[in-house]
Amino acid sequence: MHVTPTVWTITILATLALLAFDLIVIGRRPHEPSMRECSIAISIYVALAIAFGIGVWVVSGPRFAGEFFAGWLTEYSLSIDNLFIFVIIMSNLRVPRKYQQYALMVGIVLALLFRGIFIWLGAAAIERFSWIFFVFGAFLIWTAWNLFREYLNPEDDDEKTENFAMRWVKNTFPSTDEYHGTKLTIVQDGKRLITPMLFVIIALGSTDLLFALDSIPAIYGLTQEPFLVFTANVFALMGLRQLYFLIGGLLQRLVYLSVGLSFILAFIGVKLVLHAMHEYHLDEAWGINVDIPIWLSLIVIIGTLTITTVASLIKSKRDADRERALDGLA
């Protein structure tokens, strides 16, 4: 896939302009967005992603369009899973609702920054070392197992927000317990103090860094085109803050999402290992073709997400009905 420097420049500038506009608007008027506002924004972002995928089909063919859609769906699903952690962070740090949109926007900027760095590093590694696919594949399979294990044995919420960076900042710098708008620091009695908003940003940033380590190998298992990797991540993250407010309650009902994502990551991990075997012609020695086509990957991803969502909603409804029945008996 040939992408000119001009196209790269326009894409990056458009992304930066959109982020700058959002930051300026939210910074000037922090508020909790309405359901209508969130629905319109998400619809626009999804429509833009679909239009972009169709454009890739027209310009570069169905193969690359399939790679974009598979990557976008995977990254979008991983981003929704991220929202679980964001909800816990906002709750544990008691972020006022009107400031949550600002914190999420800063978190998205950090996520794009971290993913941009990992996309560049991943592209450089793939170009020079074919064996990196073995590493990526093994890492995704290990991540999938950990994700499934967390589903079986959920962690304490405090463990998900407290990390080395948070503890170091808390123990090193004086702070205040009160929020002061979107300010990260304030001067009080001649001393500069850290506000809780900075702790929120650190928690979101460190979480974004960890998720970038998972998501970039996953999408490189679906496409080796850096441009598609970058744009899939951009479209997956753009509507994340609106999605946070729109489906905040629904997130608790997607009880099997982690299971579905663990299966998808394991599938992509196996796909990467098989691709590495193909690169080193190990499959020829066995007389079989083990390189999984993108159309099959797309079917597996869409099918898994559909089954996961339907099964989650059915289970949540049954649990709710059972609770109502028990309350009635009581």
C-alpha atoms as a PDB file:
ATOM      1  CA  MET A   1       0.000   0.000   0.000  1.00  0.00           C
ATOM      2  CA  HIS A   2       1.586   3.265  -1.176  1.00  0.00           C
ATOM      3  CA  VAL A   3       0.913   6.243   1.083  1.00  0.00           C
ATOM      4  CA  THR A   4       2.578   9.509   0.078  1.00  0.00           C
ATOM      5  CA  PRO A   5       4.154  11.885   2.626  1.00  0.00           C
ATOM      6  CA  THR A   6       1.426  14.383   1.710  1.00  0.00           C
ATOM      7  CA  VAL A   7      -1.334  11.974   2.752  1.00  0.00           C
ATOM      8  CA  TRP A   8       0.506  11.225   6.007  1.00  0.00           C
ATOM      9  CA  THR A   9       0.904  14.945   6.704  1.00  0.00           C
ATOM     10  CA  ILE A  10      -2.767  15.721   6.018  1.00  0.00           C
ATOM     11  CA  THR A  11      -3.896  12.808   8.220  1.00  0.00           C
ATOM     12  CA  ILE A  12      -1.705  13.823  11.164  1.00  0.00           C
ATOM     13  CA  LEU A  13      -2.593  17.521  10.864  1.00  0.00           C
ATOM     14  CA  ALA A  14      -6.321  16.725  10.701  1.00  0.00           C
ATOM     15  CA  THR A  15      -6.012  14.549  13.816  1.00  0.00           C
ATOM     16  CA  LEU A  16      -4.081  17.235  15.712  1.00  0.00           C
ATOM     17  CA  ALA A  17      -6.561  19.937  14.653  1.00  0.00           C
ATOM     18  CA  LEU A  18      -9.517  17.868  15.883  1.00  0.00           C
ATOM     19  CA  LEU A  19      -7.809  17.146  19.202  1.00  0.00           C
ATOM     20  CA  ALA A  20      -6.828  20.816  19.668  1.00  0.00           C
ATOM     21  CA  PHE A  21     -10.393  21.931  18.937  1.00  0.00           C
ATOM     22  CA  ASP A  22     -11.801  19.457  21.469  1.00  0.00           C
ATOM     23  CA  LEU A  23      -9.299  20.452  24.141  1.00  0.00           C
ATOM     24  CA  ILE A  24      -9.997  24.175  23.687  1.00  0.00           C
ATOM     25  CA  VAL A  25     -13.793  23.745  23.751  1.00  0.00           C
ATOM     26  CA  ILE A  26     -13.782  21.379  26.735  1.00  0.00           C
ATOM     27  CA  GLY A  27     -11.166  23.444  28.577  1.00  0.00           C
ATOM     28  CA  ARG A  28     -13.263  26.590  28.279  1.00  0.00           C
ATOM     29  CA  ARG A  29     -16.572  24.956  29.203  1.00  0.00           C
ATOM     30  CA  PRO A  30     -16.181  21.759  31.241  1.00  0.00           C
ATOM     31  CA  HIS A  31     -19.515  19.949  31.298  1.00  0.00           C
ATOM     32  CA  GLU A  32     -21.193  16.571  31.252  1.00  0.00           C
ATOM     33  CA  PRO A  33     -22.316  15.948  27.649  1.00  0.00           C
ATOM     34  CA  SER A  34     -25.955  15.116  26.998  1.00  0.00           C
ATOM     35  CA  MET A  35     -27.069  11.798  25.506  1.00  0.00           C
ATOM     36  CA  ARG A  36     -27.975  13.628  22.288  1.00  0.00           C
ATOM     37  CA  GLU A  37     -24.537  15.226  22.081  1.00  0.00           C
ATOM     38  CA  CYS A  38     -22.825  11.863  22.635  1.00  0.00           C
ATOM     39  CA  SER A  39     -25.027  10.015  20.139  1.00  0.00           C
ATOM     40  CA  ILE A  40     -24.414  12.578  17.397  1.00  0.00           C
ATOM     41  CA  ALA A  41     -20.642  12.592  17.961  1.00  0.00           C
ATOM     42  CA  ILE A  42     -20.350   8.784  17.980  1.00  0.00           C
ATOM     43  CA  SER A  43     -22.520   8.491  14.862  1.00  0.00           C
ATOM     44  CA  ILE A  44     -20.281  10.970  13.053  1.00  0.00           C
ATOM     45  CA  TYR A  45     -17.065   9.179  14.074  1.00  0.00           C
ATOM     46  CA  VAL A  46     -18.425   5.747  13.114  1.00  0.00           C
ATOM     47  CA  ALA A  47     -19.697   7.102   9.780  1.00  0.00           C
ATOM     48  CA  LEU A  48     -16.289   8.680   9.106  1.00  0.00           C
ATOM     49  CA  ALA A  49     -14.531   5.384   9.885  1.00  0.00           C
ATOM     50  CA  ILE A  50     -16.832   3.456   7.532  1.00  0.00           C
ATOM     51  CA  ALA A  51     -16.396   6.105   4.824  1.00  0.00           C
ATOM     52  CA  PHE A  52     -12.622   5.930   5.274  1.00  0.00           C
ATOM     53  CA  GLY A  53     -12.698   2.128   4.941  1.00  0.00           C
ATOM     54  CA  ILE A  54     -14.761   2.411   1.750  1.00  0.00           C
ATOM     55  CA  GLY A  55     -12.250   4.975   0.465  1.00  0.00           C
ATOM     56  CA  VAL A  56      -9.411   2.529   1.157  1.00  0.00           C
ATOM     57  CA  TRP A  57     -11.372  -0.112  -0.808  1.00  0.00           C
ATOM     58  CA  VAL A  58     -11.781   2.243  -3.786  1.00  0.00           C
ATOM     59  CA  VAL A  59      -8.151   3.433  -3.804  1.00  0.00           C
ATOM     60  CA  SER A  60      -6.223   0.331  -2.679  1.00  0.00           C
ATOM     61  CA  GLY A  61      -8.598  -2.620  -3.018  1.00  0.00           C
ATOM     62  CA  PRO A  62     -10.648  -4.931  -0.775  1.00  0.00           C
ATOM     63  CA  ARG A  63      -7.655  -6.536   0.963  1.00  0.00           C
ATOM     64  CA  PHE A  64      -6.464  -3.322   2.609  1.00  0.00           C
ATOM     65  CA  ALA A  65     -10.044  -2.235   3.309  1.00  0.00           C
ATOM     66  CA  GLY A  66     -10.603  -5.545   5.107  1.00  0.00           C
ATOM     67  CA  GLU A  67      -7.414  -5.011   7.103  1.00  0.00           C
ATOM     68  CA  PHE A  68      -8.578  -1.537   8.140  1.00  0.00           C
ATOM     69  CA  PHE A  69     -12.034  -2.712   9.239  1.00  0.00           C
ATOM     70  CA  ALA A  70     -10.588  -5.698  11.141  1.00  0.00           C
ATOM     71  CA  GLY A  71      -8.063  -3.424  12.867  1.00  0.00           C
ATOM     72  CA  TRP A  72     -10.631  -0.735  13.621  1.00  0.00           C
ATOM     73  CA  LEU A  73     -13.120  -3.213  15.130  1.00  0.00           C
ATOM     74  CA  THR A  74     -10.413  -4.824  17.249  1.00  0.00           C
ATOM     75  CA  GLU A  75      -9.070  -1.484  18.502  1.00  0.00           C
ATOM     76  CA  TYR A  76     -12.601  -0.216  19.140  1.00  0.00           C
ATOM     77  CA  SER A  77     -13.385  -3.319  21.180  1.00  0.00           C
ATOM     78  CA  LEU A  78     -10.178  -2.950  23.189  1.00  0.00           C
ATOM     79  CA  SER A  79     -11.030   0.725  23.741  1.00  0.00           C
ATOM     80  CA  ILE A  80     -14.456  -0.214  25.113  1.00  0.00           C
ATOM     81  CA  ASP A  81     -12.719  -2.629  27.486  1.00  0.00           C
ATOM     82  CA  ASN A  82     -10.507   0.297  28.545  1.00  0.00           C
ATOM     83  CA  LEU A  83     -13.647   2.158  29.589  1.00  0.00           C
ATOM     84  CA  PHE A  84     -14.153  -0.317  32.439  1.00  0.00           C
ATOM     85  CA  ILE A  85     -10.855   0.852  33.933  1.00  0.00           C
ATOM     86  CA  PHE A  86     -11.686   4.508  33.228  1.00  0.00           C
ATOM     87  CA  VAL A  87     -14.995   4.147  35.098  1.00  0.00           C
ATOM     88  CA  ILE A  88     -13.147   2.669  38.086  1.00  0.00           C
ATOM     89  CA  ILE A  89     -10.518   5.451  38.005  1.00  0.00           C
ATOM     90  CA  MET A  90     -13.166   8.197  37.888  1.00  0.00           C
ATOM     91  CA  SER A  91     -15.122   6.549  40.698  1.00  0.00           C
ATOM     92  CA  ASN A  92     -12.175   5.860  43.015  1.00  0.00           C
ATOM     93  CA  LEU A  93     -10.725   9.354  42.558  1.00  0.00           C
ATOM     94  CA  ARG A  94     -14.194  10.934  42.869  1.00  0.00           C
ATOM     95  CA  VAL A  95     -13.909  13.060  39.729  1.00  0.00           C
ATOM     96  CA  PRO A  96     -16.880  15.470  39.416  1.00  0.00           C
ATOM     97  CA  ARG A  97     -18.987  14.583  36.358  1.00  0.00           C
ATOM     98  CA  LYS A  98     -18.452  17.974  34.714  1.00  0.00           C
ATOM     99  CA  TYR A  99     -14.644  17.492  34.758  1.00  0.00           C
ATOM    100  CA  GLN A 100     -14.633  13.892  33.568  1.00  0.00           C
ATOM    101  CA  GLN A 101     -14.863  14.846  29.898  1.00  0.00           C
ATOM    102  CA  TYR A 102     -11.684  16.941  30.200  1.00  0.00           C
ATOM    103  CA  ALA A 103      -9.812  14.123  31.940  1.00  0.00           C
ATOM    104  CA  LEU A 104     -10.913  11.643  29.273  1.00  0.00           C
ATOM    105  CA  MET A 105      -9.820  13.986  26.483  1.00  0.00           C
ATOM    106  CA  VAL A 106      -6.346  14.329  27.968  1.00  0.00           C
ATOM    107  CA  GLY A 107      -6.251  10.553  28.377  1.00  0.00           C
ATOM    108  CA  ILE A 108      -7.125  10.102  24.688  1.00  0.00           C
ATOM    109  CA  VAL A 109      -4.350  12.499  23.653  1.00  0.00           C
ATOM    110  CA  LEU A 110      -1.879  10.493  25.743  1.00  0.00           C
ATOM    111  CA  ALA A 111      -3.202   7.245  24.250  1.00  0.00           C
ATOM    112  CA  LEU A 112      -2.660   8.540  20.715  1.00  0.00           C
ATOM    113  CA  LEU A 113       0.834   9.719  21.644  1.00  0.00           C
ATOM    114  CA  PHE A 114       1.830   6.361  23.157  1.00  0.00           C
ATOM    115  CA  ARG A 115       0.300   4.396  20.304  1.00  0.00           C
ATOM    116  CA  GLY A 116       1.993   6.620  17.737  1.00  0.00           C
ATOM    117  CA  ILE A 117       5.354   5.816  19.320  1.00  0.00           C
ATOM    118  CA  PHE A 118       4.614   2.080  19.445  1.00  0.00           C
ATOM    119  CA  ILE A 119       3.316   2.093  15.851  1.00  0.00           C
ATOM    120  CA  TRP A 120       6.604   3.616  14.674  1.00  0.00           C
ATOM    121  CA  LEU A 121       8.662   1.176  16.753  1.00  0.00           C
ATOM    122  CA  GLY A 122       6.550  -1.770  15.600  1.00  0.00           C
ATOM    123  CA  ALA A 123       6.869  -0.816  11.923  1.00  0.00           C
ATOM    124  CA  ALA A 124      10.659  -0.457  12.272  1.00  0.00           C
ATOM    125  CA  ALA A 125      10.928  -3.824  14.038  1.00  0.00           C
ATOM    126  CA  ILE A 126       8.755  -5.633  11.456  1.00  0.00           C
ATOM    127  CA  GLU A 127      10.754  -4.150   8.580  1.00  0.00           C
ATOM    128  CA  ARG A 128      14.048  -5.415  10.008  1.00  0.00           C
ATOM    129  CA  PHE A 129      13.194  -8.579  11.936  1.00  0.00           C
ATOM    130  CA  SER A 130      10.672 -11.167  10.751  1.00  0.00           C
ATOM    131  CA  TRP A 131      11.096 -13.053  14.033  1.00  0.00           C
ATOM    132  CA  ILE A 132       9.338 -10.187  15.835  1.00  0.00           C
ATOM    133  CA  PHE A 133       6.062 -11.838  14.779  1.00  0.00           C
ATOM    134  CA  PHE A 134       6.912 -14.742  17.093  1.00  0.00           C
ATOM    135  CA  VAL A 135       7.413 -12.259  19.946  1.00  0.00           C
ATOM    136  CA  PHE A 136       4.195 -10.348  19.183  1.00  0.00           C
ATOM    137  CA  GLY A 137       2.242 -13.588  18.879  1.00  0.00           C
ATOM    138  CA  ALA A 138       3.528 -15.041  22.158  1.00  0.00           C
ATOM    139  CA  PHE A 139       2.864 -11.707  23.928  1.00  0.00           C
ATOM    140  CA  LEU A 140      -0.750 -11.592  22.701  1.00  0.00           C
ATOM    141  CA  ILE A 141      -1.409 -15.198  23.731  1.00  0.00           C
ATOM    142  CA  TRP A 142       0.010 -14.399  27.190  1.00  0.00           C
ATOM    143  CA  THR A 143      -2.116 -11.221  27.354  1.00  0.00           C
ATOM    144  CA  ALA A 144      -5.217 -13.182  26.333  1.00  0.00           C
ATOM    145  CA  TRP A 145      -4.597 -15.689  29.134  1.00  0.00           C
ATOM    146  CA  ASN A 146      -4.147 -12.900  31.704  1.00  0.00           C
ATOM    147  CA  LEU A 147      -7.346 -11.209  30.508  1.00  0.00           C
ATOM    148  CA  PHE A 148      -9.290 -14.459  30.847  1.00  0.00           C
ATOM    149  CA  ARG A 149      -7.732 -15.096  34.253  1.00  0.00           C
ATOM    150  CA  GLU A 150      -8.816 -11.617  35.413  1.00  0.00           C
ATOM    151  CA  TYR A 151     -12.365 -12.487  34.339  1.00  0.00           C
ATOM    152  CA  LEU A 152     -12.242 -15.623  36.500  1.00  0.00           C
ATOM    153  CA  ASN A 153     -10.602 -13.811  39.430  1.00  0.00           C
ATOM    154  CA  PRO A 154     -11.453 -10.081  39.309  1.00  0.00           C
ATOM    155  CA  GLU A 155      -8.868  -7.722  40.833  1.00  0.00           C
ATOM    156  CA  ASP A 156      -9.649  -5.283  43.602  1.00  0.00           C
ATOM    157  CA  ASP A 157     -10.665  -1.915  42.110  1.00  0.00           C
ATOM    158  CA  ASP A 158      -7.982  -0.069  44.091  1.00  0.00           C
ATOM    159  CA  GLU A 159      -5.270  -2.242  42.526  1.00  0.00           C
ATOM    160  CA  LYS A 160      -6.376  -1.117  39.066  1.00  0.00           C
ATOM    161  CA  THR A 161      -5.838   2.573  39.807  1.00  0.00           C
ATOM    162  CA  GLU A 162      -2.888   2.471  42.188  1.00  0.00           C
ATOM    163  CA  ASN A 163       0.478   1.941  40.472  1.00  0.00           C
ATOM    164  CA  PHE A 164       4.104   2.910  40.946  1.00  0.00           C
ATOM    165  CA  ALA A 165       3.698   6.295  39.228  1.00  0.00           C
ATOM    166  CA  MET A 166       0.669   7.211  41.360  1.00  0.00           C
ATOM    167  CA  ARG A 167       2.326   6.172  44.615  1.00  0.00           C
ATOM    168  CA  TRP A 168       5.563   7.994  43.763  1.00  0.00           C
ATOM    169  CA  VAL A 169       3.784  11.279  42.978  1.00  0.00           C
ATOM    170  CA  LYS A 170       1.610  11.033  46.126  1.00  0.00           C
ATOM    171  CA  ASN A 171       4.613  10.388  48.361  1.00  0.00           C
ATOM    172  CA  THR A 172       6.905  12.965  46.703  1.00  0.00           C
ATOM    173  CA  PHE A 173       4.802  16.081  46.147  1.00  0.00           C
ATOM    174  CA  PRO A 174       2.420  17.962  48.484  1.00  0.00           C
ATOM    175  CA  SER A 175      -1.166  17.835  47.290  1.00  0.00           C
ATOM    176  CA  THR A 176      -4.687  19.034  48.017  1.00  0.00           C
ATOM    177  CA  ASP A 177      -7.797  16.856  48.281  1.00  0.00           C
ATOM    178  CA  GLU A 178     -10.032  19.373  46.497  1.00  0.00           C
ATOM    179  CA  TYR A 179     -10.572  19.749  42.740  1.00  0.00           C
ATOM    180  CA  HIS A 180      -9.915  23.222  41.327  1.00  0.00           C
ATOM    181  CA  GLY A 181     -11.539  23.007  37.930  1.00  0.00           C
ATOM    182  CA  THR A 182      -9.201  21.420  35.393  1.00  0.00           C
ATOM    183  CA  LYS A 183      -6.067  22.814  37.028  1.00  0.00           C
ATOM    184  CA  LEU A 184      -3.289  20.291  37.690  1.00  0.00           C
ATOM    185  CA  THR A 185      -1.549  22.415  40.338  1.00  0.00           C
ATOM    186  CA  ILE A 186      -2.444  25.418  42.491  1.00  0.00           C
ATOM    187  CA  VAL A 187      -0.566  27.834  44.758  1.00  0.00           C
ATOM    188  CA  GLN A 188      -1.906  27.860  48.321  1.00  0.00           C
ATOM    189  CA  ASP A 189      -0.276  29.788  51.174  1.00  0.00           C
ATOM    190  CA  GLY A 190       2.804  30.320  49.038  1.00  0.00           C
ATOM    191  CA  LYS A 191       3.182  26.563  48.310  1.00  0.00           C
ATOM    192  CA  ARG A 192       2.510  24.825  45.010  1.00  0.00           C
ATOM    193  CA  LEU A 193       0.193  21.872  45.508  1.00  0.00           C
ATOM    194  CA  ILE A 194      -0.874  19.074  43.185  1.00  0.00           C
ATOM    195  CA  THR A 195      -4.621  18.737  42.629  1.00  0.00           C
ATOM    196  CA  PRO A 196      -6.484  15.418  42.311  1.00  0.00           C
ATOM    197  CA  MET A 197      -6.857  16.130  38.577  1.00  0.00           C
ATOM    198  CA  LEU A 198      -3.141  15.448  38.102  1.00  0.00           C
ATOM    199  CA  PHE A 199      -3.561  12.073  39.813  1.00  0.00           C
ATOM    200  CA  VAL A 200      -6.419  11.321  37.412  1.00  0.00           C
ATOM    201  CA  ILE A 201      -4.241  12.197  34.407  1.00  0.00           C
ATOM    202  CA  ILE A 202      -1.388  10.030  35.719  1.00  0.00           C
ATOM    203  CA  ALA A 203      -3.777   7.112  36.305  1.00  0.00           C
ATOM    204  CA  LEU A 204      -5.280   7.446  32.810  1.00  0.00           C
ATOM    205  CA  GLY A 205      -1.872   7.940  31.186  1.00  0.00           C
ATOM    206  CA  SER A 206      -0.276   4.912  32.829  1.00  0.00           C
ATOM    207  CA  THR A 207      -3.340   2.839  31.922  1.00  0.00           C
ATOM    208  CA  ASP A 208      -3.118   4.051  28.312  1.00  0.00           C
ATOM    209  CA  LEU A 209       0.546   3.043  28.207  1.00  0.00           C
ATOM    210  CA  LEU A 210      -0.259  -0.497  29.324  1.00  0.00           C
ATOM    211  CA  PHE A 211      -3.136  -0.826  26.857  1.00  0.00           C
ATOM    212  CA  ALA A 212      -0.936   0.443  24.006  1.00  0.00           C
ATOM    213  CA  LEU A 213       1.440  -2.444  24.707  1.00  0.00           C
ATOM    214  CA  ASP A 214      -1.468  -4.830  24.058  1.00  0.00           C
ATOM    215  CA  SER A 215      -3.258  -3.104  21.202  1.00  0.00           C
ATOM    216  CA  ILE A 216      -0.357  -2.402  18.832  1.00  0.00           C
ATOM    217  CA  PRO A 217       0.834  -6.036  18.537  1.00  0.00           C
ATOM    218  CA  ALA A 218      -2.833  -7.016  18.097  1.00  0.00           C
ATOM    219  CA  ILE A 219      -3.431  -4.743  15.121  1.00  0.00           C
ATOM    220  CA  TYR A 220      -0.054  -5.591  13.562  1.00  0.00           C
ATOM    221  CA  GLY A 221      -1.377  -9.141  13.554  1.00  0.00           C
ATOM    222  CA  LEU A 222      -4.100  -7.945  11.177  1.00  0.00           C
ATOM    223  CA  THR A 223      -2.170  -5.514   8.985  1.00  0.00           C
ATOM    224  CA  GLN A 224       1.471  -4.544   8.546  1.00  0.00           C
ATOM    225  CA  GLU A 225       0.580  -1.182   6.997  1.00  0.00           C
ATOM    226  CA  PRO A 226       1.547   1.600   9.465  1.00  0.00           C
ATOM    227  CA  PHE A 227      -0.959   4.004   7.872  1.00  0.00           C
ATOM    228  CA  LEU A 228      -3.852   1.607   8.460  1.00  0.00           C
ATOM    229  CA  VAL A 229      -2.596   0.880  11.985  1.00  0.00           C
ATOM    230  CA  PHE A 230      -2.514   4.604  12.790  1.00  0.00           C
ATOM    231  CA  THR A 231      -5.885   5.504  11.251  1.00  0.00           C
ATOM    232  CA  ALA A 232      -7.615   2.492  12.858  1.00  0.00           C
ATOM    233  CA  ASN A 233      -6.342   3.673  16.255  1.00  0.00           C
ATOM    234  CA  VAL A 234      -7.407   7.268  15.593  1.00  0.00           C
ATOM    235  CA  PHE A 235     -10.959   6.287  14.630  1.00  0.00           C
ATOM    236  CA  ALA A 236     -11.195   3.869  17.578  1.00  0.00           C
ATOM    237  CA  LEU A 237     -10.173   6.531  20.103  1.00  0.00           C
ATOM    238  CA  MET A 238     -11.977   9.583  18.713  1.00  0.00           C
ATOM    239  CA  GLY A 239     -15.415   8.729  20.066  1.00  0.00           C
ATOM    240  CA  LEU A 240     -14.195   7.138  23.278  1.00  0.00           C
ATOM    241  CA  ARG A 241     -15.090   9.975  25.670  1.00  0.00           C
ATOM    242  CA  GLN A 242     -18.640  10.265  24.264  1.00  0.00           C
ATOM    243  CA  LEU A 243     -18.981   6.489  24.490  1.00  0.00           C
ATOM    244  CA  TYR A 244     -17.977   6.705  28.152  1.00  0.00           C
ATOM    245  CA  PHE A 245     -21.013   8.864  28.965  1.00  0.00           C
ATOM    246  CA  LEU A 246     -23.388   7.140  26.535  1.00  0.00           C
ATOM    247  CA  ILE A 247     -22.948   3.521  27.653  1.00  0.00           C
ATOM    248  CA  GLY A 248     -21.594   3.991  31.177  1.00  0.00           C
ATOM    249  CA  GLY A 249     -24.411   1.858  32.580  1.00  0.00           C
ATOM    250  CA  LEU A 250     -24.291  -0.628  29.716  1.00  0.00           C
ATOM    251  CA  LEU A 251     -20.622  -1.390  30.429  1.00  0.00           C
ATOM    252  CA  GLN A 252     -21.622  -3.235  33.592  1.00  0.00           C
ATOM    253  CA  ARG A 253     -23.880  -5.474  31.497  1.00  0.00           C
ATOM    254  CA  LEU A 254     -21.143  -6.553  29.044  1.00  0.00           C
ATOM    255  CA  VAL A 255     -20.038  -9.280  31.440  1.00  0.00           C
ATOM    256  CA  TYR A 256     -18.460 -11.478  28.768  1.00  0.00           C
ATOM    257  CA  LEU A 257     -16.549  -8.740  26.926  1.00  0.00           C
ATOM    258  CA  SER A 258     -13.233  -9.742  28.530  1.00  0.00           C
ATOM    259  CA  VAL A 259     -13.808 -13.350  27.493  1.00  0.00           C
ATOM    260  CA  GLY A 260     -14.515 -12.305  23.903  1.00  0.00           C
ATOM    261  CA  LEU A 261     -11.473 -10.038  23.784  1.00  0.00           C
ATOM    262  CA  SER A 262      -9.239 -12.741  25.256  1.00  0.00           C
ATOM    263  CA  PHE A 263     -10.376 -15.092  22.465  1.00  0.00           C
ATOM    264  CA  ILE A 264      -9.744 -12.422  19.800  1.00  0.00           C
ATOM    265  CA  LEU A 265      -6.267 -11.640  21.160  1.00  0.00           C
ATOM    266  CA  ALA A 266      -5.428 -15.347  21.367  1.00  0.00           C
ATOM    267  CA  PHE A 267      -6.639 -15.832  17.781  1.00  0.00           C
ATOM    268  CA  ILE A 268      -4.525 -12.909  16.543  1.00  0.00           C
ATOM    269  CA  GLY A 269      -1.570 -14.202  18.568  1.00  0.00           C
ATOM    270  CA  VAL A 270      -1.818 -17.614  16.896  1.00  0.00           C
ATOM    271  CA  LYS A 271      -2.236 -15.848  13.538  1.00  0.00           C
ATOM    272  CA  LEU A 272       1.000 -13.935  14.147  1.00  0.00           C
ATOM    273  CA  VAL A 273       2.926 -17.093  15.053  1.00  0.00           C
ATOM    274  CA  LEU A 274       1.598 -18.847  11.939  1.00  0.00           C
ATOM    275  CA  HIS A 275       2.518 -15.800   9.836  1.00  0.00           C
ATOM    276  CA  ALA A 276       6.056 -15.908  11.244  1.00  0.00           C
ATOM    277  CA  MET A 277       6.255 -19.598  10.335  1.00  0.00           C
ATOM    278  CA  HIS A 278       5.131 -18.663   6.812  1.00  0.00           C
ATOM    279  CA  GLU A 279       7.813 -15.948   6.621  1.00  0.00           C
ATOM    280  CA  TYR A 280      10.480 -18.505   7.492  1.00  0.00           C
ATOM    281  CA  HIS A 281       8.927 -21.124   5.123  1.00  0.00           C
ATOM    282  CA  LEU A 282       8.371 -23.514   8.017  1.00  0.00           C
ATOM    283  CA  ASP A 283       4.890 -24.290   6.701  1.00  0.00           C
ATOM    284  CA  GLU A 284       6.369 -25.474   3.396  1.00  0.00           C
ATOM    285  CA  ALA A 285       8.375 -28.085   5.296  1.00  0.00           C
ATOM    286  CA  TRP A 286       5.073 -29.409   6.651  1.00  0.00           C
ATOM    287  CA  GLY A 287       3.364 -29.174   3.271  1.00  0.00           C
ATOM    288  CA  ILE A 288       0.549 -26.884   4.499  1.00  0.00           C
ATOM    289  CA  ASN A 289      -0.389 -23.202   4.204  1.00  0.00           C
ATOM    290  CA  VAL A 290      -0.869 -21.727   7.679  1.00  0.00           C
ATOM    291  CA  ASP A 291      -1.188 -18.028   6.779  1.00  0.00           C
ATOM    292  CA  ILE A 292      -4.729 -17.002   7.845  1.00  0.00           C
ATOM    293  CA  PRO A 293      -6.419 -14.659   5.297  1.00  0.00           C
ATOM    294  CA  ILE A 294      -7.807 -11.311   6.402  1.00  0.00           C
ATOM    295  CA  TRP A 295     -11.403 -12.213   5.460  1.00  0.00           C
ATOM    296  CA  LEU A 296     -11.337 -15.082   7.937  1.00  0.00           C
ATOM    297  CA  SER A 297      -9.908 -12.797  10.631  1.00  0.00           C
ATOM    298  CA  LEU A 298     -12.712 -10.299  10.000  1.00  0.00           C
ATOM    299  CA  ILE A 299     -15.368 -13.033  10.298  1.00  0.00           C
ATOM    300  CA  VAL A 300     -13.853 -14.308  13.570  1.00  0.00           C
ATOM    301  CA  ILE A 301     -13.674 -10.783  15.075  1.00  0.00           C
ATOM    302  CA  ILE A 302     -17.233  -9.777  14.088  1.00  0.00           C
ATOM    303  CA  GLY A 303     -18.650 -13.174  15.092  1.00  0.00           C
ATOM    304  CA  THR A 304     -16.910 -13.150  18.479  1.00  0.00           C
ATOM    305  CA  LEU A 305     -18.032  -9.604  19.302  1.00  0.00           C
ATOM    306  CA  THR A 306     -21.609 -10.363  18.264  1.00  0.00           C
ATOM    307  CA  ILE A 307     -21.818 -13.569  20.327  1.00  0.00           C
ATOM    308  CA  THR A 308     -20.123 -11.880  23.303  1.00  0.00           C
ATOM    309  CA  THR A 309     -22.509  -8.901  23.277  1.00  0.00           C
ATOM    310  CA  VAL A 310     -25.683 -10.984  22.858  1.00  0.00           C
ATOM    311  CA  ALA A 311     -24.639 -13.500  25.527  1.00  0.00           C
ATOM    312  CA  SER A 312     -23.706 -10.663  27.923  1.00  0.00           C
ATOM    313  CA  LEU A 313     -27.050  -8.908  27.527  1.00  0.00           C
ATOM    314  CA  ILE A 314     -28.983 -12.180  27.943  1.00  0.00           C
ATOM    315  CA  LYS A 315     -27.089 -13.045  31.135  1.00  0.00           C
ATOM    316  CA  SER A 316     -27.487  -9.525  32.539  1.00  0.00           C
ATOM    317  CA  LYS A 317     -31.242  -9.631  31.878  1.00  0.00           C
ATOM    318  CA  ARG A 318     -31.558 -13.041  33.552  1.00  0.00           C
ATOM    319  CA  ASP A 319     -29.569 -11.840  36.569  1.00  0.00           C
ATOM    320  CA  ALA A 320     -31.762  -8.735  36.843  1.00  0.00           C
ATOM    321  CA  ASP A 321     -34.949 -10.825  36.580  1.00  0.00           C
ATOM    322  CA  ARG A 322     -33.641 -13.192  39.259  1.00  0.00           C
ATOM    323  CA  GLU A 323     -32.855 -10.297  41.608  1.00  0.00           C
ATOM    324  CA  ARG A 324     -36.329  -8.814  41.103  1.00  0.00           C
ATOM    325  CA  ALA A 325     -37.882 -12.220  41.802  1.00  0.00           C
ATOM    326  CA  LEU A 326     -35.866 -12.606  45.023  1.00  0.00           C
ATOM    327  CA  ASP A 327     -36.819  -9.079  46.102  1.00  0.00           C
ATOM    328  CA  GLY A 328     -40.466  -9.980  45.488  1.00  0.00           C
ATOM    329  CA  LEU A 329     -40.174 -13.072  47.684  1.00  0.00           C
ATOM    330  CA  ALA A 330     -38.521 -11.053  50.417  1.00  0.00           C
END
